[in-house]
Amino acid sequence: MTVRRDGPVATLDFAHARCTLDARDGALLLQVNADDTETLHGIQALLSADLGRFARREQPAITWQSGGYSQL
């Protein structure tokens, strides 16, 4: 995995997917693009589990939406 950061935006490049994290307006927006649906769901599950574990005190509500950003 390769990670790049430019201000409030970070990009995670996986073998078959890319995730963009954008911190703005008190929220963390995530967008995942993947080569196929199975990879997409796998990356979403990975990010949801990791973010839930890292921010367990805040208990974030993570909602994935098709075709756009997901807001945390």
Protein backbone atom coordinates (compact mmCIF):
# COMPACT_ATOMS: atom_id res chain seq x y z
CA MET A 1 0.00 0.00 0.00
CA THR A 2 1.21 3.49 -0.85
CA VAL A 3 0.04 6.51 1.14
CA ARG A 4 0.19 10.11 -0.07
CA ARG A 5 -0.97 13.19 1.79
CA ASP A 6 -1.74 16.67 0.52
CA GLY A 7 -3.12 18.91 3.27
CA PRO A 8 -6.39 17.46 4.56
CA VAL A 9 -6.55 14.82 1.80
CA ALA A 10 -4.80 11.44 1.93
CA THR A 11 -4.78 8.80 -0.78
CA LEU A 12 -4.24 5.11 -0.07
CA ASP A 13 -3.29 3.05 -3.12
CA PHE A 14 -3.90 -0.68 -2.72
CA ALA A 15 -3.12 -3.32 -5.33
CA HIS A 16 -6.61 -3.16 -6.88
CA ALA A 17 -8.23 -0.17 -5.18
CA ARG A 18 -7.74 3.45 -4.19
CA CYS A 19 -9.18 5.18 -1.14
CA THR A 20 -9.31 8.94 -0.71
CA LEU A 21 -9.77 10.35 2.80
CA ASP A 22 -10.76 14.00 3.04
CA ALA A 23 -10.95 15.72 6.45
CA ARG A 24 -13.24 18.74 6.22
CA ASP A 25 -15.98 20.52 8.10
CA GLY A 26 -15.58 18.32 11.19
CA ALA A 27 -16.05 15.12 9.17
CA LEU A 28 -13.91 12.51 7.49
CA LEU A 29 -15.09 11.71 3.97
CA LEU A 30 -13.97 8.47 2.37
CA GLN A 31 -14.18 7.42 -1.26
CA VAL A 32 -13.15 3.97 -2.46
CA ASN A 33 -12.69 2.99 -6.09
CA ALA A 34 -11.89 -0.64 -6.86
CA ASP A 35 -11.41 -2.94 -9.82
CA ASP A 36 -14.41 -5.08 -8.82
CA THR A 37 -17.25 -5.29 -6.30
CA GLU A 38 -15.56 -7.93 -4.15
CA THR A 39 -12.46 -5.75 -3.72
CA LEU A 40 -14.62 -2.69 -3.04
CA HIS A 41 -16.51 -4.43 -0.24
CA GLY A 42 -13.29 -5.85 1.19
CA ILE A 43 -11.63 -2.42 1.36
CA GLN A 44 -14.79 -0.89 2.86
CA ALA A 45 -14.86 -3.61 5.54
CA LEU A 46 -11.17 -3.12 6.30
CA LEU A 47 -11.53 0.66 6.63
CA SER A 48 -14.71 0.39 8.71
CA ALA A 49 -13.05 -2.04 11.14
CA ASP A 50 -9.84 0.00 11.42
CA LEU A 51 -11.62 3.33 11.87
CA GLY A 52 -14.00 1.80 14.41
CA ARG A 53 -11.06 0.41 16.37
CA PHE A 54 -8.95 3.59 16.20
CA ALA A 55 -11.85 5.86 17.19
CA ARG A 56 -13.66 3.52 19.57
CA ARG A 57 -14.18 6.25 22.19
CA GLU A 58 -16.07 8.38 19.68
CA GLN A 59 -17.97 5.34 18.29
CA PRO A 60 -18.14 6.70 14.75
CA ALA A 61 -21.12 5.94 12.55
CA ILE A 62 -19.77 4.82 9.20
CA THR A 63 -22.23 4.80 6.32
CA TRP A 64 -21.12 3.72 2.85
CA GLN A 65 -23.00 5.08 -0.14
CA SER A 66 -22.80 3.97 -3.72
CA GLY A 67 -21.41 6.41 -6.26
CA GLY A 68 -19.91 9.01 -3.95
CA TYR A 69 -18.27 9.82 -0.66
CA SER A 70 -19.02 8.10 2.59
CA GLN A 71 -19.17 10.38 5.61
CA LEU A 72 -17.77 9.43 8.99
